[in-house]
Protein backbone atom coordinates (compact mmCIF):
# COMPACT_ATOMS: atom_id res chain seq x y z
CA MET A 1 28.25 123.10 150.16
CA ASN A 2 31.97 123.84 150.52
CA ALA A 3 33.35 126.96 152.17
CA ILE A 4 33.99 129.13 149.12
CA LYS A 5 30.53 128.40 147.72
CA ARG A 6 28.97 129.52 151.01
CA VAL A 7 31.06 132.68 150.80
CA CYS A 8 29.88 133.38 147.24
CA CYS A 9 26.25 132.86 148.24
CA PHE A 10 26.68 135.36 151.07
CA LEU A 11 28.17 137.88 148.65
CA GLU A 12 25.22 137.54 146.28
CA GLU A 13 22.68 137.94 149.08
CA ASN A 14 24.27 141.14 150.40
CA ARG A 15 25.03 143.12 147.23
CA GLU A 16 22.66 145.98 147.98
CA ARG A 17 23.87 146.37 151.57
CA PHE A 18 27.49 146.44 150.45
CA GLU A 19 26.70 149.28 148.04
CA GLU A 20 24.91 151.27 150.75
CA GLU A 21 27.87 150.87 153.10
CA LEU A 22 30.28 152.00 150.41
CA CYS A 23 28.16 155.11 149.87
CA ALA A 24 28.39 155.84 153.60
CA PHE A 25 32.18 155.46 153.42
CA LEU A 26 32.35 157.85 150.47
CA ARG A 27 30.40 160.59 152.24
CA PHE A 28 33.38 161.44 154.44
CA PRO A 29 35.43 164.27 152.82
CA SER A 30 38.67 162.75 154.10
CA ILE A 31 40.99 165.05 152.14
CA SER A 32 44.43 164.52 153.65
CA ALA A 33 46.00 167.50 151.87
CA ASN A 34 43.70 169.95 153.67
CA PRO A 35 44.05 170.31 157.46
CA ASP A 36 40.60 171.91 157.55
CA HIS A 37 39.25 168.37 157.09
CA ARG A 38 40.80 167.07 160.28
CA GLN A 39 37.50 166.02 161.84
CA ASP A 40 36.31 164.43 158.61
CA ILE A 41 39.49 162.35 158.45
CA LEU A 42 39.20 161.24 162.07
CA SER A 43 35.51 160.43 161.67
CA CYS A 44 36.20 158.41 158.54
CA ALA A 45 38.90 156.38 160.33
CA GLU A 46 36.53 155.68 163.22
CA TRP A 47 33.75 154.62 160.84
CA LEU A 48 36.10 152.15 159.16
CA ARG A 49 37.35 150.80 162.48
CA ALA A 50 33.77 150.15 163.53
CA ARG A 51 33.09 148.16 160.35
CA PHE A 52 36.02 145.87 161.12
CA VAL A 53 34.80 145.31 164.67
CA GLU A 54 31.31 144.46 163.37
CA ILE A 55 32.65 141.59 161.29
CA GLY A 56 34.68 140.15 164.16
CA LEU A 57 38.18 141.53 163.64
CA ALA A 58 40.25 143.21 166.32
CA ALA A 59 40.66 146.80 165.13
CA GLU A 60 42.18 150.04 166.35
CA ILE A 61 43.14 153.50 165.17
CA LEU A 62 46.85 154.08 165.57
CA PRO A 63 48.48 157.52 165.48
CA THR A 64 51.29 158.48 163.14
CA LYS A 65 53.15 161.76 162.94
CA GLY A 66 50.39 162.82 160.56
CA TRP A 67 46.95 161.33 159.96
CA PRO A 68 46.16 158.05 161.74
CA ALA A 69 46.07 154.54 160.33
CA VAL A 70 43.34 151.93 160.83
CA VAL A 71 44.70 148.47 161.68
CA ALA A 72 42.57 145.35 161.92
CA GLU A 73 43.50 141.68 162.16
CA THR A 74 42.37 138.15 162.75
CA PRO A 75 43.95 136.05 165.50
CA LYS A 76 47.30 134.61 164.39
CA ARG A 77 46.91 130.87 163.75
CA PRO A 78 50.05 128.75 163.33
CA GLY A 79 50.45 126.97 160.03
CA LEU A 80 48.43 129.44 157.98
CA PRO A 81 49.92 132.01 155.61
CA THR A 82 49.56 135.67 156.57
CA VAL A 83 48.16 138.21 154.12
CA LEU A 84 48.49 141.96 154.65
CA VAL A 85 45.88 144.13 152.91
CA TYR A 86 47.12 147.68 152.39
CA GLY A 87 45.03 150.62 151.23
CA HIS A 88 44.10 154.18 152.10
CA TYR A 89 40.98 155.99 153.26
CA ASP A 90 42.16 159.51 152.38
CA VAL A 91 41.14 161.11 149.09
CA GLN A 92 42.27 163.81 146.69
CA PRO A 93 40.92 167.39 146.77
CA VAL A 94 37.86 167.93 144.57
CA ASP A 95 38.84 171.10 142.70
CA PRO A 96 37.62 172.28 140.24
CA LEU A 97 34.25 171.78 141.90
CA ASP A 98 32.24 173.31 139.04
CA LEU A 99 33.26 170.42 136.73
CA TRP A 100 31.51 167.83 138.88
CA ASN A 101 28.08 166.70 137.66
CA SER A 102 27.00 166.01 141.24
CA PRO A 103 28.44 166.89 144.68
CA PRO A 104 31.63 164.83 145.13
CA PHE A 105 30.75 163.64 148.63
CA GLU A 106 27.13 162.82 147.88
CA PRO A 107 27.48 159.46 146.10
CA ARG A 108 25.30 159.12 143.01
CA ARG A 109 24.38 155.81 141.36
CA GLU A 110 23.45 155.99 137.70
CA ASN A 111 23.34 153.21 135.08
CA GLY A 112 25.34 150.84 137.26
CA ILE A 113 28.07 153.38 138.00
CA LEU A 114 28.81 155.05 141.35
CA TYR A 115 30.09 158.64 141.20
CA ALA A 116 31.96 160.18 144.17
CA ARG A 117 35.43 161.26 145.22
CA GLY A 118 37.23 158.14 146.40
CA ALA A 119 34.89 155.79 144.52
CA THR A 120 37.85 153.98 142.95
CA ASP A 121 40.84 155.69 144.58
CA ASP A 122 40.84 154.07 147.00
CA LYS A 123 37.78 153.65 149.20
CA GLY A 124 35.82 151.53 146.74
CA GLN A 125 38.72 149.18 146.12
CA VAL A 126 39.67 148.98 149.80
CA TYR A 127 36.12 148.12 150.72
CA THR A 128 36.13 145.09 148.43
CA HIS A 129 38.61 143.46 150.79
CA VAL A 130 36.64 144.44 153.89
CA LYS A 131 33.48 142.81 152.52
CA ALA A 132 35.37 139.72 151.38
CA ALA A 133 36.64 139.29 154.94
CA GLU A 134 33.10 139.74 156.26
CA ALA A 135 31.80 137.07 153.89
CA TRP A 136 34.30 134.54 155.18
CA MET A 137 33.61 135.42 158.81
CA ARG A 138 29.81 135.35 158.49
CA ALA A 139 29.40 132.44 156.06
CA VAL A 140 32.18 130.15 157.32
CA GLY A 141 33.22 131.49 160.71
CA GLU A 142 36.88 132.07 159.86
CA ILE A 143 39.17 133.17 157.05
CA PRO A 144 41.56 130.52 155.62
CA VAL A 145 44.55 132.86 156.10
CA ASN A 146 45.82 135.11 158.84
CA LEU A 147 44.63 138.53 157.73
CA ILE A 148 45.95 141.99 158.60
CA PHE A 149 44.49 145.27 157.32
CA LEU A 150 46.61 148.41 157.22
CA ILE A 151 44.52 151.31 155.89
CA GLU A 152 46.38 154.62 156.08
CA GLY A 153 45.24 158.23 155.83
CA GLU A 154 48.17 159.86 154.01
CA GLU A 155 48.62 158.11 150.65
CA GLU A 156 47.36 161.08 148.67
CA ILE A 157 50.07 163.28 150.21
CA GLY A 158 52.86 160.80 149.53
CA SER A 159 52.64 158.61 152.67
CA PRO A 160 55.27 160.69 154.51
CA ASN A 161 54.98 158.75 157.77
CA LEU A 162 54.01 155.27 156.63
CA GLU A 163 57.41 153.61 156.38
CA GLU A 164 58.46 154.78 159.85
CA PHE A 165 55.07 153.66 161.21
CA ILE A 166 55.56 150.16 159.78
CA GLN A 167 59.21 149.89 160.81
CA GLU A 168 58.29 150.70 164.41
CA ARG A 169 55.86 147.74 164.34
CA ARG A 170 57.70 145.57 161.85
CA ALA A 171 56.93 142.22 163.48
CA ARG A 172 53.23 143.03 163.58
CA PHE A 173 53.05 143.73 159.85
CA GLU A 174 55.27 140.93 158.54
CA ALA A 175 53.33 138.77 156.10
CA ASP A 176 53.74 136.15 153.40
CA ALA A 177 52.02 138.36 150.83
CA VAL A 178 50.61 141.88 150.49
CA LEU A 179 47.35 142.64 148.69
CA ILE A 180 46.90 146.14 147.25
CA SER A 181 44.00 147.34 145.12
CA ASP A 182 44.97 150.78 143.87
CA THR A 183 45.46 150.03 140.18
CA SER A 184 43.09 149.31 137.28
CA GLN A 185 41.93 146.64 134.90
CA PHE A 186 43.24 146.88 131.37
CA GLY A 187 39.77 147.85 130.17
CA PRO A 188 36.08 146.95 130.58
CA ASN A 189 35.78 143.25 131.37
CA GLN A 190 39.53 142.91 130.85
CA PRO A 191 40.92 142.05 134.32
CA ALA A 192 44.65 142.52 134.68
CA LEU A 193 47.38 141.51 137.08
CA CYS A 194 49.92 144.29 137.38
CA TYR A 195 53.48 143.09 137.96
CA ALA A 196 55.48 146.33 137.71
CA LEU A 197 55.18 150.00 138.67
CA ARG A 198 57.26 152.98 137.67
CA GLY A 199 59.02 154.97 140.36
CA LEU A 200 58.67 158.70 140.93
CA THR A 201 60.85 161.73 141.53
CA TYR A 202 58.86 164.91 142.14
CA MET A 203 60.60 168.30 142.20
CA GLU A 204 59.77 171.97 142.34
CA PHE A 205 62.05 174.87 141.48
CA VAL A 206 61.40 178.50 142.32
CA VAL A 207 63.26 181.36 140.62
CA THR A 208 63.40 184.78 142.31
CA GLY A 209 64.54 188.00 140.69
CA SER A 210 63.73 191.38 142.23
CA ASN A 211 62.22 191.70 145.69
CA GLN A 212 58.81 192.75 144.30
CA ASP A 213 56.71 192.66 141.14
CA LEU A 214 57.69 195.50 138.79
CA HIS A 215 56.12 197.58 135.99
CA SER A 216 57.33 196.13 132.68
CA GLY A 217 57.47 199.56 131.08
CA MET A 218 59.59 201.12 133.79
CA PHE A 219 61.87 198.15 134.48
CA GLY A 220 61.74 195.96 131.38
CA GLY A 221 65.20 195.50 129.93
CA ILE A 222 67.10 196.23 133.15
CA VAL A 223 65.86 193.53 135.55
CA PRO A 224 65.61 189.74 135.20
CA ASN A 225 62.27 188.10 134.48
CA PRO A 226 61.89 184.86 136.54
CA ALA A 227 58.99 183.66 134.36
CA GLN A 228 61.20 183.72 131.29
CA VAL A 229 64.00 181.99 133.17
CA VAL A 230 61.60 179.23 134.20
CA ALA A 231 60.38 178.91 130.62
CA ASN A 232 63.97 178.59 129.37
CA VAL A 233 64.78 175.89 131.90
CA ILE A 234 61.64 173.92 131.05
CA ALA A 235 62.43 174.17 127.34
CA SER A 236 65.88 172.74 128.03
CA LEU A 237 64.54 169.61 129.75
CA LYS A 238 63.49 167.82 126.57
CA LYS A 239 64.78 167.45 123.03
CA PRO A 240 62.55 167.95 119.97
CA ASP A 241 62.16 164.17 119.59
CA GLY A 242 60.57 163.91 123.06
CA SER A 243 63.57 162.40 124.82
CA ILE A 244 64.83 163.85 128.09
CA ALA A 245 67.86 166.10 127.78
CA ILE A 246 69.21 165.84 131.34
CA GLU A 247 72.72 164.42 131.09
CA GLY A 248 72.91 160.90 132.51
CA PHE A 249 69.13 160.56 132.90
CA TYR A 250 68.94 157.30 130.93
CA ASP A 251 72.02 155.69 132.47
CA GLY A 252 71.17 152.21 133.73
CA VAL A 253 67.66 152.07 132.24
CA ARG A 254 66.67 148.44 131.68
CA ASP A 255 64.64 147.75 128.56
CA ALA A 256 61.50 145.64 128.58
CA GLU A 257 62.24 141.95 128.06
CA GLU A 258 61.22 140.12 124.91
CA TRP A 259 58.50 138.11 126.65
CA GLU A 260 56.96 141.35 127.90
CA ILE A 261 56.85 142.85 124.41
CA ARG A 262 55.14 139.69 123.15
CA GLU A 263 52.56 139.94 125.93
CA TYR A 264 51.89 143.61 125.18
CA GLU A 265 51.32 142.83 121.51
CA LYS A 266 48.51 140.47 122.52
CA LEU A 267 46.57 143.18 124.32
CA PRO A 268 43.52 144.73 122.64
CA TRP A 269 44.97 148.21 122.17
CA ASP A 270 43.14 150.98 120.33
CA PHE A 271 45.68 153.79 120.12
CA ALA A 272 43.75 155.81 117.54
CA GLY A 273 40.63 155.56 119.67
CA LEU A 274 42.55 156.65 122.75
CA ALA A 275 43.88 159.69 120.93
CA ARG A 276 40.37 160.62 119.79
CA GLU A 277 39.02 160.17 123.31
CA LEU A 278 41.65 162.58 124.59
CA GLY A 279 41.03 165.10 121.84
CA LEU A 280 44.48 164.60 120.31
CA PRO A 281 45.50 164.13 116.67
CA SER A 282 47.84 161.33 117.75
CA LEU A 283 49.80 159.99 120.71
CA SER A 284 53.25 161.44 121.35
CA GLY A 285 56.53 160.58 123.05
CA GLU A 286 59.61 158.62 122.00
CA ARG A 287 58.26 157.33 118.71
CA GLU A 288 61.05 154.81 118.20
CA TYR A 289 59.41 152.77 120.98
CA PRO A 290 55.99 151.07 120.74
CA VAL A 291 53.21 152.89 122.61
CA PRO A 292 52.89 150.23 125.37
CA VAL A 293 56.62 150.49 126.04
CA ARG A 294 56.38 154.29 126.21
CA LYS A 295 53.39 153.99 128.54
CA TRP A 296 54.81 151.42 130.94
CA CYS A 297 58.52 150.79 130.46
CA ARG A 298 60.20 154.10 129.62
CA PRO A 299 61.05 156.94 132.02
CA THR A 300 59.23 160.24 131.60
CA LEU A 301 59.45 163.89 132.58
CA ASP A 302 56.35 166.07 132.80
CA VAL A 303 55.71 169.63 133.93
CA ASN A 304 52.80 169.39 136.37
CA GLY A 305 52.38 173.06 137.11
CA LEU A 306 53.67 176.53 136.21
CA TYR A 307 53.21 179.76 138.10
CA GLY A 308 54.46 183.33 138.10
CA GLY A 309 53.20 186.73 137.04
CA TYR A 310 49.65 187.68 136.20
CA ALA A 311 47.24 185.02 134.93
CA GLY A 312 43.88 186.70 135.48
CA LYS A 313 41.53 188.19 132.92
CA GLY A 314 42.71 191.09 130.81
CA ALA A 315 46.20 192.58 130.75
CA LYS A 316 48.58 193.53 133.52
CA THR A 317 52.06 194.67 132.52
CA VAL A 318 54.11 193.15 135.27
CA ILE A 319 57.52 191.55 135.65
CA PRO A 320 57.03 188.94 138.36
CA SER A 321 59.33 188.83 141.32
CA GLN A 322 59.06 185.06 141.43
CA ALA A 323 58.09 182.15 139.19
CA GLY A 324 58.34 178.40 139.44
CA ALA A 325 57.44 174.97 138.13
CA LYS A 326 56.60 171.55 139.50
CA VAL A 327 58.01 168.58 137.62
CA SER A 328 57.47 164.84 137.98
CA MET A 329 59.70 162.13 136.56
CA ARG A 330 58.45 158.56 136.31
CA LEU A 331 61.31 156.10 136.69
CA VAL A 332 61.90 152.53 135.53
CA PRO A 333 64.08 149.65 136.75
CA GLY A 334 67.75 150.57 136.65
CA GLN A 335 67.24 154.19 137.71
CA ASP A 336 68.03 155.45 141.20
CA ALA A 337 65.47 158.02 142.37
CA ASN A 338 67.91 160.03 144.47
CA ARG A 339 70.45 160.15 141.64
CA ILE A 340 67.78 161.36 139.23
CA ALA A 341 66.86 164.12 141.68
CA ASP A 342 70.52 165.17 141.84
CA LEU A 343 70.81 165.21 138.04
CA PHE A 344 67.63 167.28 137.71
CA GLU A 345 68.84 169.79 140.29
CA ALA A 346 72.23 170.15 138.58
CA HIS A 347 70.54 170.69 135.22
CA VAL A 348 68.19 173.35 136.58
CA ARG A 349 70.92 175.20 138.48
CA ALA A 350 73.03 175.33 135.33
CA GLY A 351 70.24 177.22 133.57
CA ILE A 352 69.78 179.95 136.17
CA PRO A 353 71.48 183.29 135.37
CA SER A 354 73.62 185.00 138.01
CA ASP A 355 71.09 187.81 138.55
CA CYS A 356 68.44 185.35 139.88
CA ARG A 357 68.17 183.15 142.95
CA ILE A 358 66.99 179.54 142.82
CA GLU A 359 65.30 177.28 145.38
CA ILE A 360 64.81 173.60 144.63
CA ILE A 361 62.35 171.50 146.63
CA ARG A 362 62.33 167.70 146.65
CA TYR A 363 58.95 166.20 147.42
CA GLN A 364 59.09 162.51 146.68
CA ASN A 365 61.58 159.85 145.63
CA SER A 366 60.50 156.26 145.14
CA PRO A 367 62.04 153.51 143.00
CA ALA A 368 60.42 151.41 140.30
CA THR A 369 59.26 147.94 141.28
CA VAL A 370 59.03 144.65 139.39
CA ILE A 371 57.30 141.67 141.02
CA PRO A 372 58.19 138.14 139.80
CA VAL A 373 55.11 136.75 138.04
CA GLU A 374 55.93 133.20 139.15
CA ASP A 375 55.66 134.01 142.89
CA PRO A 376 52.99 131.87 144.64
CA ALA A 377 51.08 134.99 145.67
CA MET A 378 51.02 136.22 142.07
CA ARG A 379 49.80 132.82 140.89
CA ALA A 380 47.04 133.02 143.50
CA GLY A 381 46.17 136.52 142.32
CA LYS A 382 45.87 135.35 138.73
CA GLU A 383 43.58 132.46 139.65
CA ALA A 384 41.49 134.65 141.96
CA LEU A 385 40.92 137.19 139.18
CA GLN A 386 39.94 134.36 136.84
CA ARG A 387 37.32 133.21 139.34
CA GLY A 388 36.11 136.65 140.37
CA PHE A 389 35.76 138.09 136.85
CA GLY A 390 35.16 134.90 134.90
CA LYS A 391 37.97 135.76 132.51
CA GLU A 392 41.72 135.11 132.48
CA PRO A 393 43.57 138.27 133.54
CA LEU A 394 46.15 140.01 131.38
CA LEU A 395 49.70 140.61 132.62
CA ILE A 396 50.45 144.33 132.52
CA ARG A 397 52.73 146.98 133.89
CA GLU A 398 51.42 150.24 135.34
CA GLY A 399 52.89 153.62 134.44
CA ALA A 400 52.02 155.20 137.76
CA SER A 401 53.71 154.82 141.15
CA ILE A 402 52.64 153.44 144.53
CA PRO A 403 55.63 154.24 146.76
CA VAL A 404 54.77 151.75 149.48
CA VAL A 405 55.01 148.85 147.00
CA ALA A 406 58.76 149.30 146.66
CA PHE A 407 59.03 149.49 150.45
CA PHE A 408 57.15 146.23 150.92
CA VAL A 409 59.17 144.45 148.23
CA ASP A 410 62.65 145.84 148.81
CA VAL A 411 62.67 146.53 152.55
CA MET A 412 60.09 144.19 154.05
CA LYS A 413 60.91 141.44 151.49
CA MET A 414 57.23 140.62 150.95
CA PRO A 415 55.68 139.92 147.53
CA VAL A 416 52.93 142.34 146.54
CA VAL A 417 49.86 141.39 144.51
CA LEU A 418 48.25 144.33 142.73
CA LEU A 419 44.59 143.46 142.18
CA GLY A 420 43.11 146.40 140.31
CA PHE A 421 39.32 146.52 140.01
CA GLY A 422 38.75 150.01 138.57
CA LEU A 423 38.98 151.18 134.97
CA PRO A 424 41.52 153.48 133.31
CA ASP A 425 38.81 156.08 132.67
CA ASP A 426 37.49 156.20 136.25
CA ASN A 427 38.69 159.82 136.58
CA LEU A 428 41.06 159.25 139.46
CA HIS A 429 42.17 162.62 140.89
CA ALA A 430 39.73 164.35 138.52
CA PRO A 431 36.10 165.53 138.62
CA ASN A 432 33.38 162.87 138.38
CA GLU A 433 35.46 160.03 139.78
CA LYS A 434 33.52 156.78 139.40
CA PHE A 435 33.45 153.05 140.03
CA THR A 436 31.43 150.49 138.04
CA LEU A 437 29.34 148.65 140.62
CA ALA A 438 29.66 145.34 138.78
CA ASP A 439 33.44 145.65 139.18
CA PHE A 440 32.99 146.50 142.86
CA HIS A 441 31.19 143.19 143.37
CA ARG A 442 33.61 141.27 141.16
CA GLY A 443 36.42 142.76 143.22
CA ILE A 444 34.85 141.46 146.44
CA ALA A 445 34.55 138.00 144.91
CA THR A 446 38.17 138.13 143.71
CA SER A 447 39.42 139.03 147.17
CA ALA A 448 37.39 136.23 148.73
CA HIS A 449 38.77 133.74 146.20
CA PHE A 450 42.33 134.94 146.77
CA HIS A 451 42.29 133.82 150.40
CA ASP A 452 40.94 130.41 149.37
CA VAL A 453 43.44 129.92 146.53
CA TYR A 454 46.47 131.26 148.38
CA ALA A 455 45.80 129.07 151.42
CA ARG A 456 45.60 126.03 149.13
CA ILE A 457 48.80 126.92 147.22
CA ARG A 458 50.77 127.54 150.40
CA SER A 459 49.61 124.28 151.98
CA LYS A 460 51.13 122.17 149.18
């Protein structure tokens, strides 16, 4: 029996144990946004480190300026390609808790689906690679590539310290390819290889009028209302046709190529069904573009939060002292994230009257990324998905952003392979997050096959 067959037999024999271990991983409330979970985060990192040691990898917890990272690796063997597996063990907050059907950190298995915070984003997907490494180590005695794991604890807060952490240890993390599983399949039993991600600019603006909240009967008509100012600014950000009204926003935007449009037309879309699922009469946006292009290839601007004034039950006649909004803009190739932030700030400032003060906060700027589909690592990813899922994967873009991908591609000059094992409806960042257990096991098999295929391709 050859090596990969022995690996696959090991995977089949240990399915139940792998699920139990994943449940243990998910029980840690490692919420990076909340400092009250400090001990949970540290305990989770230590648990993960111990799992790496158990399977024979050298592993340690390394400090950053924020939450620590878990790093594990095989011995470096000359002549073999090096693969870096990146992921994160931190998770999103669970609010609103009352919308969960079961406690978010008490994993629940039902009808082949595992429910818990972090089930797909990203503990479940990260753990596929850990178990694939174990299968090679236990069934064969070694992995056919040099393998490095970098599992951070700050992805859900924008990875503020990751790039500096890697740069300080650049030689240690240099690799021939990077594996990341933080995306999705196209749909059930429709594996996909993602070759492009949108970038992200995230901004907040805060408008202040008077130095305190005021009675609208006593002061209405003689003082500014920050909530109305914010509403006016937000209304000015888009045109009635759904396009973005910020001057210069679309400068440099590169359209999808013809081969991409042809590929998208082959995909089994159900736009009417999607609208029904979301409770909408129809999908919206720039209607002159096909829906897949709007979803993956066009820049966007969305208000993510509004605040100011009284929002409780009943009435309260108040003019708020302060109001604000949080806005995200998804970017595409050809757009510079810092330039977009400058354009947004100029647009907002132009809409603020002289009797109000404005504060603008920049949270995140990351560029869009496109990965050449003909790269050897991408070819290995495609074949590995074919073997792991038993079906040829689709080539897709992803509308979301993973900031570290651009860093790996543009700064570290390493190709990234995005192997997504979850589903689009897995409720990432929402109540009742889930992961289909069959996809968990197919993901493990895919990761195991990737090392076999990539080693073969690189040896030619």
